[in-house]
Amino acid sequence: EQGHPLDVEHVERTIDMVKADERPSEVLGTTILRAPNGRIIRAKSA
């Protein structure tokens, strides 16, 4: 819903985070910065 597409890597990381009692939607779905080349930088772990 946040516009963050899933792939196998993201699903595996989401599984690991939920097992560790973390909230992937608060970490993976939040934009940290937008690089000058237009690339969106997001954290991939807590």
ModelCIF file with pLDDT and N, C-alpha, C, O atoms, coordinates in Angstrom:
data_MODEL
#
_entry.id   MODEL 
#
_entity.id                         1 
_entity.type                       polymer 
_entity.pdbx_number_of_molecules   1 
#
_entity_poly.entity_id                      1 
_entity_poly.type                           'polypeptide(L)' 
_entity_poly.nstd_linkage                   no 
_entity_poly.nstd_monomer                   no 
_entity_poly.pdbx_seq_one_letter_code       EQGHPLDVEHVERTIDMVKADERPSEVLGTTILRAPNGRIIRAKSA 
_entity_poly.pdbx_seq_one_letter_code_can   EQGHPLDVEHVERTIDMVKADERPSEVLGTTILRAPNGRIIRAKSA 
_entity_poly.pdbx_strand_id                 A 
#
loop_
_entity_poly_seq.entity_id 
_entity_poly_seq.num 
_entity_poly_seq.mon_id 
_entity_poly_seq.hetero 
1 1  GLU n 
1 2  GLN n 
1 3  GLY n 
1 4  HIS n 
1 5  PRO n 
1 6  LEU n 
1 7  ASP n 
1 8  VAL n 
1 9  GLU n 
1 10 HIS n 
1 11 VAL n 
1 12 GLU n 
1 13 ARG n 
1 14 THR n 
1 15 ILE n 
1 16 ASP n 
1 17 MET n 
1 18 VAL n 
1 19 LYS n 
1 20 ALA n 
1 21 ASP n 
1 22 GLU n 
1 23 ARG n 
1 24 PRO n 
1 25 SER n 
1 26 GLU n 
1 27 VAL n 
1 28 LEU n 
1 29 GLY n 
1 30 THR n 
1 31 THR n 
1 32 ILE n 
1 33 LEU n 
1 34 ARG n 
1 35 ALA n 
1 36 PRO n 
1 37 ASN n 
1 38 GLY n 
1 39 ARG n 
1 40 ILE n 
1 41 ILE n 
1 42 ARG n 
1 43 ALA n 
1 44 LYS n 
1 45 SER n 
1 46 ALA n 
#
_struct_asym.id          A 
_struct_asym.entity_id   1 
#
loop_
_ma_qa_metric.id 
_ma_qa_metric.mode 
_ma_qa_metric.name 
_ma_qa_metric.software_group_id 
_ma_qa_metric.type 
1 global pLDDT . pLDDT 
2 local  pLDDT . pLDDT 
#
_ma_qa_metric_global.metric_id      1 
_ma_qa_metric_global.metric_value   82.39 
_ma_qa_metric_global.model_id       1 
_ma_qa_metric_global.ordinal_id     1 
#
loop_
_ma_qa_metric_local.label_asym_id 
_ma_qa_metric_local.label_comp_id 
_ma_qa_metric_local.label_seq_id 
_ma_qa_metric_local.metric_id 
_ma_qa_metric_local.metric_value 
_ma_qa_metric_local.model_id 
_ma_qa_metric_local.ordinal_id 
A GLU 1  2 90.00 1 1  
A GLN 2  2 85.00 1 2  
A GLY 3  2 82.00 1 3  
A HIS 4  2 82.00 1 4  
A PRO 5  2 83.00 1 5  
A LEU 6  2 88.00 1 6  
A ASP 7  2 88.00 1 7  
A VAL 8  2 89.00 1 8  
A GLU 9  2 83.00 1 9  
A HIS 10 2 84.00 1 10 
A VAL 11 2 91.00 1 11 
A GLU 12 2 88.00 1 12 
A ARG 13 2 85.00 1 13 
A THR 14 2 90.00 1 14 
A ILE 15 2 91.00 1 15 
A ASP 16 2 87.00 1 16 
A MET 17 2 88.00 1 17 
A VAL 18 2 91.00 1 18 
A LYS 19 2 89.00 1 19 
A ALA 20 2 84.00 1 20 
A ASP 21 2 87.00 1 21 
A GLU 22 2 87.00 1 22 
A ARG 23 2 88.00 1 23 
A PRO 24 2 88.00 1 24 
A SER 25 2 86.00 1 25 
A GLU 26 2 84.00 1 26 
A VAL 27 2 83.00 1 27 
A LEU 28 2 77.00 1 28 
A GLY 29 2 67.00 1 29 
A THR 30 2 66.00 1 30 
A THR 31 2 73.00 1 31 
A ILE 32 2 72.00 1 32 
A LEU 33 2 74.00 1 33 
A ARG 34 2 77.00 1 34 
A ALA 35 2 73.00 1 35 
A PRO 36 2 70.00 1 36 
A ASN 37 2 69.00 1 37 
A GLY 38 2 73.00 1 38 
A ARG 39 2 75.00 1 39 
A ILE 40 2 79.00 1 40 
A ILE 41 2 82.00 1 41 
A ARG 42 2 81.00 1 42 
A ALA 43 2 83.00 1 43 
A LYS 44 2 85.00 1 44 
A SER 45 2 86.00 1 45 
A ALA 46 2 87.00 1 46 
#
loop_
_atom_site.group_PDB 
_atom_site.id 
_atom_site.type_symbol 
_atom_site.label_atom_id 
_atom_site.label_alt_id 
_atom_site.label_comp_id 
_atom_site.label_asym_id 
_atom_site.label_entity_id 
_atom_site.label_seq_id 
_atom_site.pdbx_PDB_ins_code 
_atom_site.Cartn_x 
_atom_site.Cartn_y 
_atom_site.Cartn_z 
_atom_site.occupancy 
_atom_site.B_iso_or_equiv 
_atom_site.pdbx_formal_charge 
_atom_site.auth_seq_id 
_atom_site.auth_comp_id 
_atom_site.auth_asym_id 
_atom_site.auth_atom_id 
_atom_site.pdbx_PDB_model_num 
ATOM 1   N N  . GLU A 1 1  ? 0.822  -1.207  0.000   1.00 90.00 ? 1  GLU A N  1 
ATOM 2   C CA . GLU A 1 1  ? 0.000  0.000   0.000   1.00 90.00 ? 1  GLU A CA 1 
ATOM 3   C C  . GLU A 1 1  ? 0.860  1.263   0.000   1.00 90.00 ? 1  GLU A C  1 
ATOM 4   O O  . GLU A 1 1  ? 0.445  2.301   -0.513  1.00 90.00 ? 1  GLU A O  1 
ATOM 5   N N  . GLN A 1 2  ? 2.057  1.170   0.576   1.00 85.00 ? 2  GLN A N  1 
ATOM 6   C CA . GLN A 1 2  ? 2.985  2.304   0.583   1.00 85.00 ? 2  GLN A CA 1 
ATOM 7   C C  . GLN A 1 2  ? 3.715  2.463   -0.743  1.00 85.00 ? 2  GLN A C  1 
ATOM 8   O O  . GLN A 1 2  ? 4.526  3.375   -0.903  1.00 85.00 ? 2  GLN A O  1 
ATOM 9   N N  . GLY A 1 3  ? 3.429  1.571   -1.701  1.00 82.00 ? 3  GLY A N  1 
ATOM 10  C CA . GLY A 1 3  ? 4.093  1.645   -2.996  1.00 82.00 ? 3  GLY A CA 1 
ATOM 11  C C  . GLY A 1 3  ? 5.444  0.963   -3.013  1.00 82.00 ? 3  GLY A C  1 
ATOM 12  O O  . GLY A 1 3  ? 6.266  1.238   -3.888  1.00 82.00 ? 3  GLY A O  1 
ATOM 13  N N  . HIS A 1 4  ? 5.690  0.073   -2.056  1.00 82.00 ? 4  HIS A N  1 
ATOM 14  C CA . HIS A 1 4  ? 6.977  -0.611  -1.941  1.00 82.00 ? 4  HIS A CA 1 
ATOM 15  C C  . HIS A 1 4  ? 6.823  -2.016  -2.526  1.00 82.00 ? 4  HIS A C  1 
ATOM 16  O O  . HIS A 1 4  ? 6.316  -2.901  -1.837  1.00 82.00 ? 4  HIS A O  1 
ATOM 17  N N  . PRO A 1 5  ? 7.245  -2.253  -3.776  1.00 83.00 ? 5  PRO A N  1 
ATOM 18  C CA . PRO A 1 5  ? 7.045  -3.566  -4.399  1.00 83.00 ? 5  PRO A CA 1 
ATOM 19  C C  . PRO A 1 5  ? 7.839  -4.654  -3.692  1.00 83.00 ? 5  PRO A C  1 
ATOM 20  O O  . PRO A 1 5  ? 8.918  -4.401  -3.157  1.00 83.00 ? 5  PRO A O  1 
ATOM 21  N N  . LEU A 1 6  ? 7.307  -5.845  -3.696  1.00 88.00 ? 6  LEU A N  1 
ATOM 22  C CA . LEU A 1 6  ? 7.958  -6.981  -3.047  1.00 88.00 ? 6  LEU A CA 1 
ATOM 23  C C  . LEU A 1 6  ? 8.662  -7.847  -4.084  1.00 88.00 ? 6  LEU A C  1 
ATOM 24  O O  . LEU A 1 6  ? 8.194  -8.007  -5.211  1.00 88.00 ? 6  LEU A O  1 
ATOM 25  N N  . ASP A 1 7  ? 9.796  -8.399  -3.673  1.00 88.00 ? 7  ASP A N  1 
ATOM 26  C CA . ASP A 1 7  ? 10.448 -9.469  -4.421  1.00 88.00 ? 7  ASP A CA 1 
ATOM 27  C C  . ASP A 1 7  ? 10.904 -10.499 -3.393  1.00 88.00 ? 7  ASP A C  1 
ATOM 28  O O  . ASP A 1 7  ? 10.645 -10.348 -2.199  1.00 88.00 ? 7  ASP A O  1 
ATOM 29  N N  . VAL A 1 8  ? 11.582 -11.543 -3.857  1.00 89.00 ? 8  VAL A N  1 
ATOM 30  C CA . VAL A 1 8  ? 11.970 -12.619 -2.940  1.00 89.00 ? 8  VAL A CA 1 
ATOM 31  C C  . VAL A 1 8  ? 12.848 -12.084 -1.816  1.00 89.00 ? 8  VAL A C  1 
ATOM 32  O O  . VAL A 1 8  ? 12.673 -12.453 -0.655  1.00 89.00 ? 8  VAL A O  1 
ATOM 33  N N  . GLU A 1 9  ? 13.800 -11.208 -2.166  1.00 83.00 ? 9  GLU A N  1 
ATOM 34  C CA . GLU A 1 9  ? 14.694 -10.657 -1.143  1.00 83.00 ? 9  GLU A CA 1 
ATOM 35  C C  . GLU A 1 9  ? 13.915 -9.890  -0.087  1.00 83.00 ? 9  GLU A C  1 
ATOM 36  O O  . GLU A 1 9  ? 14.167 -10.051 1.108   1.00 83.00 ? 9  GLU A O  1 
ATOM 37  N N  . HIS A 1 10 ? 12.955 -9.042  -0.521  1.00 84.00 ? 10 HIS A N  1 
ATOM 38  C CA . HIS A 1 10 ? 12.182 -8.252  0.435   1.00 84.00 ? 10 HIS A CA 1 
ATOM 39  C C  . HIS A 1 10 ? 11.288 -9.141  1.293   1.00 84.00 ? 10 HIS A C  1 
ATOM 40  O O  . HIS A 1 10 ? 11.116 -8.881  2.484   1.00 84.00 ? 10 HIS A O  1 
ATOM 41  N N  . VAL A 1 11 ? 10.719 -10.185 0.698   1.00 91.00 ? 11 VAL A N  1 
ATOM 42  C CA . VAL A 1 11 ? 9.875  -11.088 1.481   1.00 91.00 ? 11 VAL A CA 1 
ATOM 43  C C  . VAL A 1 11 ? 10.718 -11.808 2.540   1.00 91.00 ? 11 VAL A C  1 
ATOM 44  O O  . VAL A 1 11 ? 10.301 -11.921 3.692   1.00 91.00 ? 11 VAL A O  1 
ATOM 45  N N  . GLU A 1 12 ? 11.896 -12.291 2.151   1.00 88.00 ? 12 GLU A N  1 
ATOM 46  C CA . GLU A 1 12 ? 12.773 -12.955 3.118   1.00 88.00 ? 12 GLU A CA 1 
ATOM 47  C C  . GLU A 1 12 ? 13.167 -12.007 4.242   1.00 88.00 ? 12 GLU A C  1 
ATOM 48  O O  . GLU A 1 12 ? 13.193 -12.396 5.409   1.00 88.00 ? 12 GLU A O  1 
ATOM 49  N N  . ARG A 1 13 ? 13.478 -10.752 3.883   1.00 85.00 ? 13 ARG A N  1 
ATOM 50  C CA . ARG A 1 13 ? 13.869 -9.780  4.903   1.00 85.00 ? 13 ARG A CA 1 
ATOM 51  C C  . ARG A 1 13 ? 12.679 -9.445  5.812   1.00 85.00 ? 13 ARG A C  1 
ATOM 52  O O  . ARG A 1 13 ? 12.842 -9.274  7.020   1.00 85.00 ? 13 ARG A O  1 
ATOM 53  N N  . THR A 1 14 ? 11.493 -9.355  5.226   1.00 90.00 ? 14 THR A N  1 
ATOM 54  C CA . THR A 1 14 ? 10.298 -9.087  6.020   1.00 90.00 ? 14 THR A CA 1 
ATOM 55  C C  . THR A 1 14 ? 10.035 -10.219 6.997   1.00 90.00 ? 14 THR A C  1 
ATOM 56  O O  . THR A 1 14 ? 9.665  -9.978  8.146   1.00 90.00 ? 14 THR A O  1 
ATOM 57  N N  . ILE A 1 15 ? 10.224 -11.446 6.547   1.00 91.00 ? 15 ILE A N  1 
ATOM 58  C CA . ILE A 1 15 ? 10.056 -12.610 7.433   1.00 91.00 ? 15 ILE A CA 1 
ATOM 59  C C  . ILE A 1 15 ? 11.028 -12.528 8.601   1.00 91.00 ? 15 ILE A C  1 
ATOM 60  O O  . ILE A 1 15 ? 10.637 -12.727 9.751   1.00 91.00 ? 15 ILE A O  1 
ATOM 61  N N  . ASP A 1 16 ? 12.294 -12.236 8.311   1.00 87.00 ? 16 ASP A N  1 
ATOM 62  C CA . ASP A 1 16 ? 13.300 -12.145 9.378   1.00 87.00 ? 16 ASP A CA 1 
ATOM 63  C C  . ASP A 1 16 ? 12.941 -11.063 10.382  1.00 87.00 ? 16 ASP A C  1 
ATOM 64  O O  . ASP A 1 16 ? 13.110 -11.256 11.587  1.00 87.00 ? 16 ASP A O  1 
ATOM 65  N N  . MET A 1 17 ? 12.446 -9.923  9.900   1.00 88.00 ? 17 MET A N  1 
ATOM 66  C CA . MET A 1 17 ? 12.123 -8.822  10.791  1.00 88.00 ? 17 MET A CA 1 
ATOM 67  C C  . MET A 1 17 ? 10.918 -9.145  11.660  1.00 88.00 ? 17 MET A C  1 
ATOM 68  O O  . MET A 1 17 ? 10.916 -8.820  12.848  1.00 88.00 ? 17 MET A O  1 
ATOM 69  N N  . VAL A 1 18 ? 9.898  -9.774  11.101  1.00 91.00 ? 18 VAL A N  1 
ATOM 70  C CA . VAL A 1 18 ? 8.719  -10.132 11.890  1.00 91.00 ? 18 VAL A CA 1 
ATOM 71  C C  . VAL A 1 18 ? 9.097  -11.169 12.949  1.00 91.00 ? 18 VAL A C  1 
ATOM 72  O O  . VAL A 1 18 ? 8.610  -11.108 14.078  1.00 91.00 ? 18 VAL A O  1 
ATOM 73  N N  . LYS A 1 19 ? 9.955  -12.110 12.592  1.00 89.00 ? 19 LYS A N  1 
ATOM 74  C CA . LYS A 1 19 ? 10.419 -13.095 13.571  1.00 89.00 ? 19 LYS A CA 1 
ATOM 75  C C  . LYS A 1 19 ? 11.155 -12.412 14.729  1.00 89.00 ? 19 LYS A C  1 
ATOM 76  O O  . LYS A 1 19 ? 11.123 -12.886 15.865  1.00 89.00 ? 19 LYS A O  1 
ATOM 77  N N  . ALA A 1 20 ? 11.819 -11.288 14.418  1.00 84.00 ? 20 ALA A N  1 
ATOM 78  C CA . ALA A 1 20 ? 12.554 -10.538 15.448  1.00 84.00 ? 20 ALA A CA 1 
ATOM 79  C C  . ALA A 1 20 ? 11.668 -9.504  16.132  1.00 84.00 ? 20 ALA A C  1 
ATOM 80  O O  . ALA A 1 20 ? 12.170 -8.646  16.859  1.00 84.00 ? 20 ALA A O  1 
ATOM 81  N N  . ASP A 1 21 ? 10.347 -9.574  15.910  1.00 87.00 ? 21 ASP A N  1 
ATOM 82  C CA . ASP A 1 21 ? 9.381  -8.663  16.526  1.00 87.00 ? 21 ASP A CA 1 
ATOM 83  C C  . ASP A 1 21 ? 9.615  -7.222  16.107  1.00 87.00 ? 21 ASP A C  1 
ATOM 84  O O  . ASP A 1 21 ? 9.466  -6.305  16.914  1.00 87.00 ? 21 ASP A O  1 
ATOM 85  N N  . GLU A 1 22 ? 9.985  -7.020  14.833  1.00 87.00 ? 22 GLU A N  1 
ATOM 86  C CA . GLU A 1 22 ? 10.167 -5.690  14.274  1.00 87.00 ? 22 GLU A CA 1 
ATOM 87  C C  . GLU A 1 22 ? 9.045  -5.406  13.279  1.00 87.00 ? 22 GLU A C  1 
ATOM 88  O O  . GLU A 1 22 ? 8.362  -6.327  12.830  1.00 87.00 ? 22 GLU A O  1 
ATOM 89  N N  . ARG A 1 23 ? 8.855  -4.141  12.936  1.00 88.00 ? 23 ARG A N  1 
ATOM 90  C CA . ARG A 1 23 ? 7.784  -3.719  12.035  1.00 88.00 ? 23 ARG A CA 1 
ATOM 91  C C  . ARG A 1 23 ? 8.360  -3.341  10.679  1.00 88.00 ? 23 ARG A C  1 
ATOM 92  O O  . ARG A 1 23 ? 8.807  -2.207  10.504  1.00 88.00 ? 23 ARG A O  1 
ATOM 93  N N  . PRO A 1 24 ? 8.361  -4.250  9.720   1.00 88.00 ? 24 PRO A N  1 
ATOM 94  C CA . PRO A 1 24 ? 8.927  -3.947  8.400   1.00 88.00 ? 24 PRO A CA 1 
ATOM 95  C C  . PRO A 1 24 ? 8.303  -2.727  7.736   1.00 88.00 ? 24 PRO A C  1 
ATOM 96  O O  . PRO A 1 24 ? 9.003  -1.976  7.057   1.00 88.00 ? 24 PRO A O  1 
ATOM 97  N N  . SER A 1 25 ? 7.008  -2.516  7.915   1.00 86.00 ? 25 SER A N  1 
ATOM 98  C CA . SER A 1 25 ? 6.355  -1.382  7.250   1.00 86.00 ? 25 SER A CA 1 
ATOM 99  C C  . SER A 1 25 ? 6.876  -0.045  7.763   1.00 86.00 ? 25 SER A C  1 
ATOM 100 O O  . SER A 1 25 ? 6.816  0.955   7.047   1.00 86.00 ? 25 SER A O  1 
ATOM 101 N N  . GLU A 1 26 ? 7.389  -0.012  9.000   1.00 84.00 ? 26 GLU A N  1 
ATOM 102 C CA . GLU A 1 26 ? 7.941  1.217   9.549   1.00 84.00 ? 26 GLU A CA 1 
ATOM 103 C C  . GLU A 1 26 ? 9.393  1.432   9.136   1.00 84.00 ? 26 GLU A C  1 
ATOM 104 O O  . GLU A 1 26 ? 9.895  2.555   9.180   1.00 84.00 ? 26 GLU A O  1 
ATOM 105 N N  . VAL A 1 27 ? 10.070 0.346   8.732   1.00 83.00 ? 27 VAL A N  1 
ATOM 106 C CA . VAL A 1 27 ? 11.485 0.430   8.368   1.00 83.00 ? 27 VAL A CA 1 
ATOM 107 C C  . VAL A 1 27 ? 11.656 0.435   6.858   1.00 83.00 ? 27 VAL A C  1 
ATOM 108 O O  . VAL A 1 27 ? 12.224 1.372   6.298   1.00 83.00 ? 27 VAL A O  1 
ATOM 109 N N  . LEU A 1 28 ? 11.166 -0.611  6.196   1.00 77.00 ? 28 LEU A N  1 
ATOM 110 C CA . LEU A 1 28 ? 11.391 -0.767  4.764   1.00 77.00 ? 28 LEU A CA 1 
ATOM 111 C C  . LEU A 1 28 ? 10.565 0.204   3.939   1.00 77.00 ? 28 LEU A C  1 
ATOM 112 O O  . LEU A 1 28 ? 10.961 0.565   2.831   1.00 77.00 ? 28 LEU A O  1 
ATOM 113 N N  . GLY A 1 29 ? 9.430  0.631   4.457   1.00 67.00 ? 29 GLY A N  1 
ATOM 114 C CA . GLY A 1 29 ? 8.541  1.469   3.670   1.00 67.00 ? 29 GLY A CA 1 
ATOM 115 C C  . GLY A 1 29 ? 8.772  2.955   3.812   1.00 67.00 ? 29 GLY A C  1 
ATOM 116 O O  . GLY A 1 29 ? 8.055  3.747   3.200   1.00 67.00 ? 29 GLY A O  1 
ATOM 117 N N  . THR A 1 30 ? 9.749  3.358   4.598   1.00 66.00 ? 30 THR A N  1 
ATOM 118 C CA . THR A 1 30 ? 10.000 4.774   4.842   1.00 66.00 ? 30 THR A CA 1 
ATOM 119 C C  . THR A 1 30 ? 11.199 5.252   4.032   1.00 66.00 ? 30 THR A C  1 
ATOM 120 O O  . THR A 1 30 ? 12.283 4.675   4.122   1.00 66.00 ? 30 THR A O  1 
ATOM 121 N N  . THR A 1 31 ? 11.008 6.293   3.249   1.00 73.00 ? 31 THR A N  1 
ATOM 122 C CA . THR A 1 31 ? 12.094 6.863   2.448   1.00 73.00 ? 31 THR A CA 1 
ATOM 123 C C  . THR A 1 31 ? 13.054 7.620   3.351   1.00 73.00 ? 31 THR A C  1 
ATOM 124 O O  . THR A 1 31 ? 12.644 8.501   4.107   1.00 73.00 ? 31 THR A O  1 
ATOM 125 N N  . ILE A 1 32 ? 14.351 7.268   3.267   1.00 72.00 ? 32 ILE A N  1 
ATOM 126 C CA . ILE A 1 32 ? 15.368 7.973   4.033   1.00 72.00 ? 32 ILE A CA 1 
ATOM 127 C C  . ILE A 1 32 ? 15.795 9.227   3.294   1.00 72.00 ? 32 ILE A C  1 
ATOM 128 O O  . ILE A 1 32 ? 15.874 10.308  3.878   1.00 72.00 ? 32 ILE A O  1 
ATOM 129 N N  . LEU A 1 33 ? 16.068 9.076   2.017   1.00 74.00 ? 33 LEU A N  1 
ATOM 130 C CA . LEU A 1 33 ? 16.446 10.224  1.202   1.00 74.00 ? 33 LEU A CA 1 
ATOM 131 C C  . LEU A 1 33 ? 16.243 9.882   -0.264  1.00 74.00 ? 33 LEU A C  1 
ATOM 132 O O  . LEU A 1 33 ? 16.158 8.713   -0.643  1.00 74.00 ? 33 LEU A O  1 
ATOM 133 N N  . ARG A 1 34 ? 16.168 10.913  -1.069  1.00 77.00 ? 34 ARG A N  1 
ATOM 134 C CA . ARG A 1 34 ? 16.068 10.744  -2.523  1.00 77.00 ? 34 ARG A CA 1 
ATOM 135 C C  . ARG A 1 34 ? 17.359 11.268  -3.131  1.00 77.00 ? 34 ARG A C  1 
ATOM 136 O O  . ARG A 1 34 ? 17.646 12.463  -3.060  1.00 77.00 ? 34 ARG A O  1 
ATOM 137 N N  . ALA A 1 35 ? 18.136 10.376  -3.728  1.00 73.00 ? 35 ALA A N  1 
ATOM 138 C CA . ALA A 1 35 ? 19.437 10.748  -4.270  1.00 73.00 ? 35 ALA A CA 1 
ATOM 139 C C  . ALA A 1 35 ? 19.272 11.704  -5.440  1.00 73.00 ? 35 ALA A C  1 
ATOM 140 O O  . ALA A 1 35 ? 18.223 11.720  -6.085  1.00 73.00 ? 35 ALA A O  1 
ATOM 141 N N  . PRO A 1 36 ? 20.302 12.506  -5.722  1.00 70.00 ? 36 PRO A N  1 
ATOM 142 C CA . PRO A 1 36 ? 20.222 13.455  -6.836  1.00 70.00 ? 36 PRO A CA 1 
ATOM 143 C C  . PRO A 1 36 ? 19.918 12.791  -8.174  1.00 70.00 ? 36 PRO A C  1 
ATOM 144 O O  . PRO A 1 36 ? 19.355 13.428  -9.064  1.00 70.00 ? 36 PRO A O  1 
ATOM 145 N N  . ASN A 1 37 ? 20.286 11.505  -8.330  1.00 69.00 ? 37 ASN A N  1 
ATOM 146 C CA . ASN A 1 37 ? 19.995 10.819  -9.585  1.00 69.00 ? 37 ASN A CA 1 
ATOM 147 C C  . ASN A 1 37 ? 18.571 10.249  -9.622  1.00 69.00 ? 37 ASN A C  1 
ATOM 148 O O  . ASN A 1 37 ? 18.217 9.512   -10.542 1.00 69.00 ? 37 ASN A O  1 
ATOM 149 N N  . GLY A 1 38 ? 17.759 10.594  -8.613  1.00 73.00 ? 38 GLY A N  1 
ATOM 150 C CA . GLY A 1 38 ? 16.374 10.150  -8.569  1.00 73.00 ? 38 GLY A CA 1 
ATOM 151 C C  . GLY A 1 38 ? 16.159 8.849   -7.835  1.00 73.00 ? 38 GLY A C  1 
ATOM 152 O O  . GLY A 1 38 ? 15.019 8.449   -7.602  1.00 73.00 ? 38 GLY A O  1 
ATOM 153 N N  . ARG A 1 39 ? 17.238 8.182   -7.466  1.00 75.00 ? 39 ARG A N  1 
ATOM 154 C CA . ARG A 1 39 ? 17.125 6.907   -6.774  1.00 75.00 ? 39 ARG A CA 1 
ATOM 155 C C  . ARG A 1 39 ? 16.592 7.135   -5.361  1.00 75.00 ? 39 ARG A C  1 
ATOM 156 O O  . ARG A 1 39 ? 17.074 8.013   -4.646  1.00 75.00 ? 39 ARG A O  1 
ATOM 157 N N  . ILE A 1 40 ? 15.598 6.345   -4.961  1.00 79.00 ? 40 ILE A N  1 
ATOM 158 C CA . ILE A 1 40 ? 15.029 6.441   -3.628  1.00 79.00 ? 40 ILE A CA 1 
ATOM 159 C C  . ILE A 1 40 ? 15.791 5.503   -2.700  1.00 79.00 ? 40 ILE A C  1 
ATOM 160 O O  . ILE A 1 40 ? 15.911 4.308   -2.969  1.00 79.00 ? 40 ILE A O  1 
ATOM 161 N N  . ILE A 1 41 ? 16.301 6.056   -1.612  1.00 82.00 ? 41 ILE A N  1 
ATOM 162 C CA . ILE A 1 41 ? 17.100 5.284   -0.669  1.00 82.00 ? 41 ILE A CA 1 
ATOM 163 C C  . ILE A 1 41 ? 16.238 4.953   0.542   1.00 82.00 ? 41 ILE A C  1 
ATOM 164 O O  . ILE A 1 41 ? 15.705 5.848   1.198   1.00 82.00 ? 41 ILE A O  1 
ATOM 165 N N  . ARG A 1 42 ? 16.107 3.687   0.828   1.00 81.00 ? 42 ARG A N  1 
ATOM 166 C CA . ARG A 1 42 ? 15.354 3.238   1.997   1.00 81.00 ? 42 ARG A CA 1 
ATOM 167 C C  . ARG A 1 42 ? 16.238 2.344   2.849   1.00 81.00 ? 42 ARG A C  1 
ATOM 168 O O  . ARG A 1 42 ? 17.109 1.642   2.336   1.00 81.00 ? 42 ARG A O  1 
ATOM 169 N N  . ALA A 1 43 ? 16.007 2.376   4.151   1.00 83.00 ? 43 ALA A N  1 
ATOM 170 C CA . ALA A 1 43 ? 16.665 1.406   5.028   1.00 83.00 ? 43 ALA A CA 1 
ATOM 171 C C  . ALA A 1 43 ? 16.142 0.015   4.701   1.00 83.00 ? 43 ALA A C  1 
ATOM 172 O O  . ALA A 1 43 ? 14.972 -0.154  4.356   1.00 83.00 ? 43 ALA A O  1 
ATOM 173 N N  . LYS A 1 44 ? 17.007 -0.966  4.810   1.00 85.00 ? 44 LYS A N  1 
ATOM 174 C CA . LYS A 1 44 ? 16.607 -2.344  4.549   1.00 85.00 ? 44 LYS A CA 1 
ATOM 175 C C  . LYS A 1 44 ? 16.596 -3.193  5.808   1.00 85.00 ? 44 LYS A C  1 
ATOM 176 O O  . LYS A 1 44 ? 16.388 -4.404  5.744   1.00 85.00 ? 44 LYS A O  1 
ATOM 177 N N  . SER A 1 45 ? 16.819 -2.560  6.947   1.00 86.00 ? 45 SER A N  1 
ATOM 178 C CA . SER A 1 45 ? 16.760 -3.271  8.222   1.00 86.00 ? 45 SER A CA 1 
ATOM 179 C C  . SER A 1 45 ? 16.562 -2.251  9.329   1.00 86.00 ? 45 SER A C  1 
ATOM 180 O O  . SER A 1 45 ? 16.780 -1.056  9.128   1.00 86.00 ? 45 SER A O  1 
ATOM 181 N N  . ALA A 1 46 ? 16.147 -2.724  10.496  1.00 87.00 ? 46 ALA A N  1 
ATOM 182 C CA . ALA A 1 46 ? 15.977 -1.828  11.634  1.00 87.00 ? 46 ALA A CA 1 
ATOM 183 C C  . ALA A 1 46 ? 17.320 -1.232  12.054  1.00 87.00 ? 46 ALA A C  1 
ATOM 184 O O  . ALA A 1 46 ? 17.379 -0.449  13.001  1.00 87.00 ? 46 ALA A O  1 
#
